[in-house]
Amino acid sequence: MPAIAATLAVVAPLVLAGEKGLFHFPGADEVRLQKLSRADNEQEWPFTVSSGYLACVWSAGKRMVMFLEEPAKDEAEPARMRKVFVSVNPFELTLGNMADRDLIVPMDSVEALVKRMAPFAALGERLCDQPQGSKIRQGEL
C-alpha cells in the first residue's frame, strides 16, 4: 500500500499539470510528421535514403524525434518501415538505432554522428512545437 501511495504522489502532480508520464502512450493527435528530402547540394545528409519523414512523438515521458523511411509506392505488400532516432544523445543514436542502423550513413566516430544529426534534431524539436495538422513548407521550420 505505501508503494501505491508513493507512486500516486509522484504521478498526480504530473497528470494535473498536463505532463506526459513515462508510461504515456501517444495518440494520433500527438504525432507530428514533416516530409524531408535531401537537397541536391547537401553534403551533411546523415541518412542513406534521399527522402523520408521527420516525426515527433511523445515516448518514455519526453518528446522523441525520429526519421522514418518513405515507404515504397510500387510494392504490392507494404514492407516494414525503417526508423531511427534523431538526437544529440550518443546513447540514443547508437544503442537506440541498432535495429535500423543501415538507415544512417556510417561515420568514423559517434562525435561525427552527433554533429551531423544535430541540425535535424533541432528541426525535429521545432516540429514538436507545431500544432497538429500544420502544413509546413520547405524551409519554414
N, C-alpha and C. Protein backbone atom coordinates (compact mmCIF):
# COMPACT_ATOMS: atom_id res chain seq x y z
N MET A 1 0.80 -1.21 0.00
CA MET A 1 0.00 0.00 0.00
C MET A 1 0.85 1.28 0.00
N PRO A 2 1.95 1.33 0.77
CA PRO A 2 2.78 2.54 0.73
C PRO A 2 3.37 2.78 -0.66
N ALA A 3 3.65 1.71 -1.41
CA ALA A 3 4.20 1.88 -2.76
C ALA A 3 3.19 2.55 -3.68
N ILE A 4 1.94 2.19 -3.55
CA ILE A 4 0.89 2.80 -4.37
C ILE A 4 0.75 4.28 -4.03
N ALA A 5 0.78 4.59 -2.74
CA ALA A 5 0.67 5.98 -2.31
C ALA A 5 1.85 6.81 -2.81
N ALA A 6 3.03 6.22 -2.76
CA ALA A 6 4.22 6.94 -3.24
C ALA A 6 4.14 7.18 -4.74
N THR A 7 3.67 6.17 -5.47
CA THR A 7 3.53 6.30 -6.92
C THR A 7 2.53 7.39 -7.26
N LEU A 8 1.39 7.40 -6.57
CA LEU A 8 0.38 8.43 -6.81
C LEU A 8 0.90 9.82 -6.45
N ALA A 9 1.70 9.90 -5.41
CA ALA A 9 2.26 11.19 -5.00
C ALA A 9 3.17 11.75 -6.08
N VAL A 10 3.87 10.89 -6.78
CA VAL A 10 4.77 11.34 -7.84
C VAL A 10 4.01 11.63 -9.12
N VAL A 11 3.07 10.77 -9.46
CA VAL A 11 2.36 10.87 -10.74
C VAL A 11 1.28 11.94 -10.74
N ALA A 12 0.57 12.11 -9.64
CA ALA A 12 -0.57 13.04 -9.59
C ALA A 12 -0.21 14.46 -10.02
N PRO A 13 0.88 15.06 -9.50
CA PRO A 13 1.20 16.42 -9.96
C PRO A 13 1.47 16.49 -11.46
N LEU A 14 2.09 15.45 -12.01
CA LEU A 14 2.36 15.44 -13.45
C LEU A 14 1.07 15.38 -14.24
N VAL A 15 0.14 14.54 -13.81
CA VAL A 15 -1.14 14.42 -14.50
C VAL A 15 -1.91 15.73 -14.40
N LEU A 16 -1.95 16.31 -13.20
CA LEU A 16 -2.68 17.56 -13.02
C LEU A 16 -2.06 18.70 -13.82
N ALA A 17 -0.76 18.67 -14.00
CA ALA A 17 -0.08 19.72 -14.76
C ALA A 17 -0.15 19.47 -16.26
N GLY A 18 -0.73 18.33 -16.67
CA GLY A 18 -0.83 18.03 -18.09
C GLY A 18 0.43 17.42 -18.67
N GLU A 19 1.35 17.02 -17.82
CA GLU A 19 2.59 16.41 -18.29
C GLU A 19 2.33 14.97 -18.70
N LYS A 20 3.14 14.50 -19.62
CA LYS A 20 3.03 13.12 -20.07
C LYS A 20 4.06 12.30 -19.32
N GLY A 21 3.63 11.26 -18.68
CA GLY A 21 4.50 10.45 -17.86
C GLY A 21 5.27 9.41 -18.65
N LEU A 22 6.06 8.64 -17.92
CA LEU A 22 6.91 7.62 -18.51
C LEU A 22 6.12 6.59 -19.28
N PHE A 23 4.92 6.25 -18.82
CA PHE A 23 4.12 5.21 -19.45
C PHE A 23 3.00 5.76 -20.32
N HIS A 24 3.13 7.00 -20.74
CA HIS A 24 2.14 7.62 -21.62
C HIS A 24 2.24 7.02 -23.02
N PHE A 25 1.12 6.59 -23.57
CA PHE A 25 1.09 6.09 -24.94
C PHE A 25 0.50 7.18 -25.82
N PRO A 26 1.25 7.66 -26.80
CA PRO A 26 0.77 8.78 -27.62
C PRO A 26 -0.40 8.39 -28.51
N GLY A 27 -1.30 9.33 -28.67
CA GLY A 27 -2.40 9.16 -29.61
C GLY A 27 -2.02 9.75 -30.95
N ALA A 28 -2.83 9.51 -31.95
CA ALA A 28 -2.54 10.01 -33.29
C ALA A 28 -2.48 11.53 -33.32
N ASP A 29 -3.23 12.20 -32.43
CA ASP A 29 -3.23 13.65 -32.41
C ASP A 29 -1.94 14.24 -31.84
N GLU A 30 -1.09 13.41 -31.26
CA GLU A 30 0.16 13.89 -30.68
C GLU A 30 1.36 13.69 -31.60
N VAL A 31 1.18 13.05 -32.72
CA VAL A 31 2.27 12.78 -33.65
C VAL A 31 2.36 13.91 -34.66
N ARG A 32 3.55 14.40 -34.90
CA ARG A 32 3.79 15.41 -35.92
C ARG A 32 4.70 14.81 -36.98
N LEU A 33 4.34 14.98 -38.25
CA LEU A 33 5.14 14.47 -39.37
C LEU A 33 5.46 15.59 -40.34
N GLN A 34 6.66 15.55 -40.89
CA GLN A 34 7.07 16.51 -41.90
C GLN A 34 7.90 15.79 -42.95
N LYS A 35 7.52 15.93 -44.21
CA LYS A 35 8.29 15.34 -45.31
C LYS A 35 9.65 16.04 -45.36
N LEU A 36 10.69 15.24 -45.55
CA LEU A 36 12.05 15.76 -45.56
C LEU A 36 12.78 15.13 -46.74
N SER A 37 13.44 15.95 -47.54
CA SER A 37 14.19 15.44 -48.69
C SER A 37 15.57 16.08 -48.73
N ARG A 38 16.51 15.31 -49.24
CA ARG A 38 17.88 15.80 -49.37
C ARG A 38 17.95 16.81 -50.51
N ALA A 39 18.59 17.94 -50.23
CA ALA A 39 18.81 18.94 -51.27
C ALA A 39 19.94 18.45 -52.18
N ASP A 40 19.95 18.90 -53.42
CA ASP A 40 20.95 18.47 -54.39
C ASP A 40 22.38 18.73 -53.92
N ASN A 41 22.59 19.86 -53.25
CA ASN A 41 23.94 20.24 -52.84
C ASN A 41 24.24 19.91 -51.37
N GLU A 42 23.40 19.16 -50.73
CA GLU A 42 23.57 18.87 -49.30
C GLU A 42 24.67 17.84 -49.07
N GLN A 43 25.69 18.25 -48.34
CA GLN A 43 26.84 17.39 -48.07
C GLN A 43 26.72 16.63 -46.75
N GLU A 44 25.98 17.15 -45.81
CA GLU A 44 25.91 16.59 -44.46
C GLU A 44 24.65 15.78 -44.20
N TRP A 45 24.00 15.27 -45.22
CA TRP A 45 22.78 14.46 -45.06
C TRP A 45 23.16 13.16 -44.33
N PRO A 46 22.59 12.89 -43.17
CA PRO A 46 23.03 11.74 -42.38
C PRO A 46 22.35 10.41 -42.72
N PHE A 47 21.41 10.42 -43.63
CA PHE A 47 20.62 9.22 -43.90
C PHE A 47 21.01 8.58 -45.23
N THR A 48 20.81 7.27 -45.35
CA THR A 48 21.17 6.55 -46.58
C THR A 48 20.10 6.65 -47.66
N VAL A 49 18.94 7.15 -47.33
CA VAL A 49 17.87 7.35 -48.31
C VAL A 49 17.73 8.84 -48.57
N SER A 50 17.24 9.20 -49.74
CA SER A 50 17.20 10.61 -50.11
C SER A 50 15.98 11.36 -49.59
N SER A 51 14.98 10.65 -49.10
CA SER A 51 13.81 11.33 -48.54
C SER A 51 13.13 10.43 -47.52
N GLY A 52 12.32 11.06 -46.71
CA GLY A 52 11.58 10.35 -45.67
C GLY A 52 10.76 11.35 -44.88
N TYR A 53 10.43 10.98 -43.66
CA TYR A 53 9.62 11.83 -42.80
C TYR A 53 10.34 12.08 -41.49
N LEU A 54 10.32 13.32 -41.05
CA LEU A 54 10.77 13.66 -39.72
C LEU A 54 9.54 13.59 -38.84
N ALA A 55 9.62 12.90 -37.73
CA ALA A 55 8.47 12.71 -36.86
C ALA A 55 8.80 13.13 -35.44
N CYS A 56 7.80 13.65 -34.76
CA CYS A 56 7.93 13.97 -33.35
C CYS A 56 6.80 13.25 -32.63
N VAL A 57 7.14 12.54 -31.56
CA VAL A 57 6.15 11.80 -30.80
C VAL A 57 6.59 11.75 -29.34
N TRP A 58 5.63 11.70 -28.43
CA TRP A 58 5.95 11.53 -27.01
C TRP A 58 6.24 10.07 -26.76
N SER A 59 7.35 9.80 -26.09
CA SER A 59 7.72 8.44 -25.74
C SER A 59 8.58 8.48 -24.48
N ALA A 60 8.33 7.58 -23.57
CA ALA A 60 9.09 7.49 -22.32
C ALA A 60 9.13 8.83 -21.58
N GLY A 61 8.02 9.55 -21.62
CA GLY A 61 7.91 10.79 -20.87
C GLY A 61 8.56 12.00 -21.48
N LYS A 62 9.03 11.91 -22.73
CA LYS A 62 9.64 13.07 -23.38
C LYS A 62 9.38 13.03 -24.88
N ARG A 63 9.62 14.17 -25.51
CA ARG A 63 9.46 14.23 -26.97
C ARG A 63 10.62 13.52 -27.63
N MET A 64 10.31 12.69 -28.60
CA MET A 64 11.33 11.97 -29.36
C MET A 64 11.21 12.36 -30.82
N VAL A 65 12.34 12.62 -31.45
CA VAL A 65 12.37 12.95 -32.88
C VAL A 65 12.91 11.72 -33.60
N MET A 66 12.25 11.35 -34.69
CA MET A 66 12.66 10.18 -35.45
C MET A 66 12.66 10.53 -36.94
N PHE A 67 13.45 9.78 -37.69
CA PHE A 67 13.42 9.85 -39.14
C PHE A 67 12.84 8.53 -39.63
N LEU A 68 11.80 8.60 -40.45
CA LEU A 68 11.13 7.42 -40.98
C LEU A 68 11.40 7.31 -42.47
N GLU A 69 11.77 6.14 -42.88
CA GLU A 69 11.98 5.89 -44.31
C GLU A 69 10.65 6.03 -45.04
N GLU A 70 10.69 6.64 -46.20
CA GLU A 70 9.48 6.76 -47.00
C GLU A 70 9.12 5.40 -47.58
N PRO A 71 7.87 4.95 -47.40
CA PRO A 71 7.51 3.63 -47.93
C PRO A 71 7.52 3.61 -49.45
N ALA A 72 7.89 2.47 -50.02
CA ALA A 72 7.91 2.31 -51.48
C ALA A 72 6.48 2.31 -52.00
N LYS A 73 6.26 3.04 -53.07
CA LYS A 73 4.90 3.16 -53.62
C LYS A 73 4.52 2.02 -54.55
N ASP A 74 5.50 1.32 -55.10
CA ASP A 74 5.21 0.31 -56.11
C ASP A 74 5.08 -1.10 -55.55
N GLU A 75 5.27 -1.30 -54.27
CA GLU A 75 5.18 -2.64 -53.71
C GLU A 75 3.72 -3.01 -53.43
N ALA A 76 3.36 -4.25 -53.76
CA ALA A 76 2.00 -4.72 -53.53
C ALA A 76 1.72 -4.87 -52.04
N GLU A 77 2.69 -5.38 -51.31
CA GLU A 77 2.53 -5.54 -49.87
C GLU A 77 3.51 -4.60 -49.17
N PRO A 78 3.00 -3.77 -48.25
CA PRO A 78 3.90 -2.82 -47.61
C PRO A 78 4.97 -3.51 -46.77
N ALA A 79 6.18 -3.03 -46.91
CA ALA A 79 7.30 -3.56 -46.12
C ALA A 79 7.36 -2.82 -44.78
N ARG A 80 8.14 -3.34 -43.87
CA ARG A 80 8.32 -2.70 -42.58
C ARG A 80 9.06 -1.39 -42.80
N MET A 81 8.52 -0.32 -42.24
CA MET A 81 9.13 1.00 -42.39
C MET A 81 10.29 1.13 -41.41
N ARG A 82 11.48 1.38 -41.92
CA ARG A 82 12.64 1.57 -41.06
C ARG A 82 12.59 2.96 -40.43
N LYS A 83 13.12 3.06 -39.21
CA LYS A 83 13.11 4.34 -38.50
C LYS A 83 14.31 4.42 -37.58
N VAL A 84 14.78 5.64 -37.36
CA VAL A 84 15.91 5.87 -36.45
C VAL A 84 15.63 7.09 -35.59
N PHE A 85 16.20 7.10 -34.40
CA PHE A 85 16.12 8.26 -33.52
C PHE A 85 17.03 9.35 -34.07
N VAL A 86 16.56 10.58 -33.99
CA VAL A 86 17.35 11.74 -34.37
C VAL A 86 17.55 12.54 -33.09
N SER A 87 18.79 12.59 -32.65
CA SER A 87 19.07 13.16 -31.34
C SER A 87 20.53 13.60 -31.27
N VAL A 88 20.87 14.31 -30.22
CA VAL A 88 22.27 14.61 -29.95
C VAL A 88 22.76 13.76 -28.78
N ASN A 89 21.94 12.85 -28.33
CA ASN A 89 22.29 11.93 -27.25
C ASN A 89 23.01 10.73 -27.87
N PRO A 90 24.27 10.52 -27.53
CA PRO A 90 25.03 9.41 -28.14
C PRO A 90 24.42 8.03 -27.89
N PHE A 91 23.80 7.85 -26.74
CA PHE A 91 23.19 6.56 -26.43
C PHE A 91 21.98 6.28 -27.33
N GLU A 92 21.15 7.30 -27.54
CA GLU A 92 20.00 7.12 -28.43
C GLU A 92 20.46 6.87 -29.87
N LEU A 93 21.51 7.57 -30.28
CA LEU A 93 22.00 7.42 -31.65
C LEU A 93 22.66 6.08 -31.91
N THR A 94 23.29 5.52 -30.91
CA THR A 94 24.00 4.24 -31.12
C THR A 94 23.13 3.06 -30.70
N LEU A 95 22.83 2.97 -29.43
CA LEU A 95 22.05 1.82 -28.93
C LEU A 95 20.60 1.85 -29.42
N GLY A 96 20.01 3.04 -29.43
CA GLY A 96 18.61 3.16 -29.85
C GLY A 96 18.37 2.88 -31.31
N ASN A 97 19.41 3.01 -32.12
CA ASN A 97 19.27 2.82 -33.56
C ASN A 97 19.87 1.52 -34.07
N MET A 98 20.12 0.59 -33.18
CA MET A 98 20.76 -0.67 -33.59
C MET A 98 19.94 -1.44 -34.62
N ALA A 99 18.63 -1.44 -34.48
CA ALA A 99 17.78 -2.25 -35.37
C ALA A 99 17.83 -1.77 -36.82
N ASP A 100 17.89 -0.46 -37.00
CA ASP A 100 17.85 0.09 -38.36
C ASP A 100 19.06 0.97 -38.65
N ARG A 101 20.21 0.58 -38.14
CA ARG A 101 21.42 1.41 -38.30
C ARG A 101 21.84 1.57 -39.76
N ASP A 102 21.36 0.71 -40.65
CA ASP A 102 21.68 0.86 -42.07
C ASP A 102 20.95 2.04 -42.72
N LEU A 103 20.09 2.70 -41.95
CA LEU A 103 19.41 3.89 -42.44
C LEU A 103 20.26 5.15 -42.22
N ILE A 104 21.34 5.01 -41.46
CA ILE A 104 22.25 6.11 -41.17
C ILE A 104 23.57 5.88 -41.90
N VAL A 105 24.09 6.93 -42.53
CA VAL A 105 25.38 6.85 -43.21
C VAL A 105 26.46 6.51 -42.17
N PRO A 106 27.31 5.52 -42.45
CA PRO A 106 28.37 5.18 -41.48
C PRO A 106 29.29 6.37 -41.22
N MET A 107 29.64 6.55 -39.96
CA MET A 107 30.52 7.65 -39.54
C MET A 107 31.78 7.07 -38.90
N ASP A 108 32.83 7.87 -38.86
CA ASP A 108 34.08 7.46 -38.24
C ASP A 108 33.99 7.42 -36.72
N SER A 109 33.12 8.28 -36.16
CA SER A 109 33.02 8.34 -34.70
C SER A 109 31.60 8.73 -34.30
N VAL A 110 31.29 8.52 -33.04
CA VAL A 110 29.99 8.93 -32.51
C VAL A 110 29.91 10.46 -32.53
N GLU A 111 31.02 11.11 -32.27
CA GLU A 111 31.05 12.58 -32.30
C GLU A 111 30.64 13.11 -33.68
N ALA A 112 31.14 12.51 -34.74
CA ALA A 112 30.78 12.93 -36.10
C ALA A 112 29.29 12.70 -36.35
N LEU A 113 28.76 11.60 -35.83
CA LEU A 113 27.34 11.30 -35.99
C LEU A 113 26.50 12.35 -35.26
N VAL A 114 26.88 12.69 -34.05
CA VAL A 114 26.15 13.70 -33.27
C VAL A 114 26.16 15.04 -34.01
N LYS A 115 27.31 15.44 -34.54
CA LYS A 115 27.41 16.71 -35.27
C LYS A 115 26.53 16.72 -36.52
N ARG A 116 26.47 15.60 -37.20
CA ARG A 116 25.68 15.52 -38.42
C ARG A 116 24.18 15.46 -38.12
N MET A 117 23.80 14.88 -37.00
CA MET A 117 22.39 14.77 -36.63
C MET A 117 21.84 16.02 -35.94
N ALA A 118 22.71 16.84 -35.35
CA ALA A 118 22.28 17.99 -34.55
C ALA A 118 21.30 18.92 -35.27
N PRO A 119 21.54 19.33 -36.53
CA PRO A 119 20.58 20.22 -37.19
C PRO A 119 19.20 19.56 -37.38
N PHE A 120 19.20 18.27 -37.61
CA PHE A 120 17.93 17.56 -37.82
C PHE A 120 17.20 17.37 -36.49
N ALA A 121 17.95 17.20 -35.41
CA ALA A 121 17.34 17.12 -34.08
C ALA A 121 16.68 18.45 -33.71
N ALA A 122 17.37 19.56 -34.02
CA ALA A 122 16.80 20.89 -33.75
C ALA A 122 15.56 21.12 -34.60
N LEU A 123 15.61 20.70 -35.85
CA LEU A 123 14.46 20.80 -36.74
C LEU A 123 13.27 20.01 -36.19
N GLY A 124 13.55 18.80 -35.70
CA GLY A 124 12.50 17.97 -35.12
C GLY A 124 11.91 18.57 -33.86
N GLU A 125 12.73 19.22 -33.04
CA GLU A 125 12.22 19.88 -31.83
C GLU A 125 11.26 21.00 -32.22
N ARG A 126 11.60 21.75 -33.27
CA ARG A 126 10.69 22.81 -33.73
C ARG A 126 9.41 22.20 -34.29
N LEU A 127 9.51 21.05 -34.92
CA LEU A 127 8.32 20.36 -35.42
C LEU A 127 7.41 19.98 -34.26
N CYS A 128 7.99 19.56 -33.15
CA CYS A 128 7.21 19.18 -31.97
C CYS A 128 6.35 20.34 -31.46
N ASP A 129 6.83 21.56 -31.65
CA ASP A 129 6.12 22.74 -31.14
C ASP A 129 4.96 23.17 -32.04
N GLN A 130 4.84 22.60 -33.22
CA GLN A 130 3.78 22.99 -34.15
C GLN A 130 2.45 22.36 -33.77
N PRO A 131 1.33 23.08 -34.00
CA PRO A 131 0.02 22.47 -33.74
C PRO A 131 -0.24 21.33 -34.71
N GLN A 132 -1.06 20.38 -34.28
CA GLN A 132 -1.37 19.24 -35.12
C GLN A 132 -2.03 19.70 -36.42
N GLY A 133 -1.64 19.07 -37.52
CA GLY A 133 -2.24 19.37 -38.81
C GLY A 133 -1.61 20.55 -39.53
N SER A 134 -0.59 21.16 -38.95
CA SER A 134 0.08 22.29 -39.60
C SER A 134 0.71 21.83 -40.90
N LYS A 135 0.52 22.61 -41.94
CA LYS A 135 1.17 22.35 -43.23
C LYS A 135 2.40 23.23 -43.31
N ILE A 136 3.56 22.63 -43.21
CA ILE A 136 4.80 23.39 -43.17
C ILE A 136 5.54 23.17 -44.49
N ARG A 137 5.83 24.25 -45.18
CA ARG A 137 6.53 24.15 -46.46
C ARG A 137 8.02 24.03 -46.24
N GLN A 138 8.71 23.66 -47.30
CA GLN A 138 10.17 23.51 -47.27
C GLN A 138 10.83 24.77 -46.73
N GLY A 139 11.67 24.62 -45.73
CA GLY A 139 12.42 25.75 -45.18
C GLY A 139 11.71 26.58 -44.14
N GLU A 140 10.48 26.22 -43.75
CA GLU A 140 9.76 27.02 -42.77
C GLU A 140 10.09 26.66 -41.32
N LEU A 141 10.61 25.48 -41.09
CA LEU A 141 10.95 25.12 -39.71
C LEU A 141 12.27 25.75 -39.36
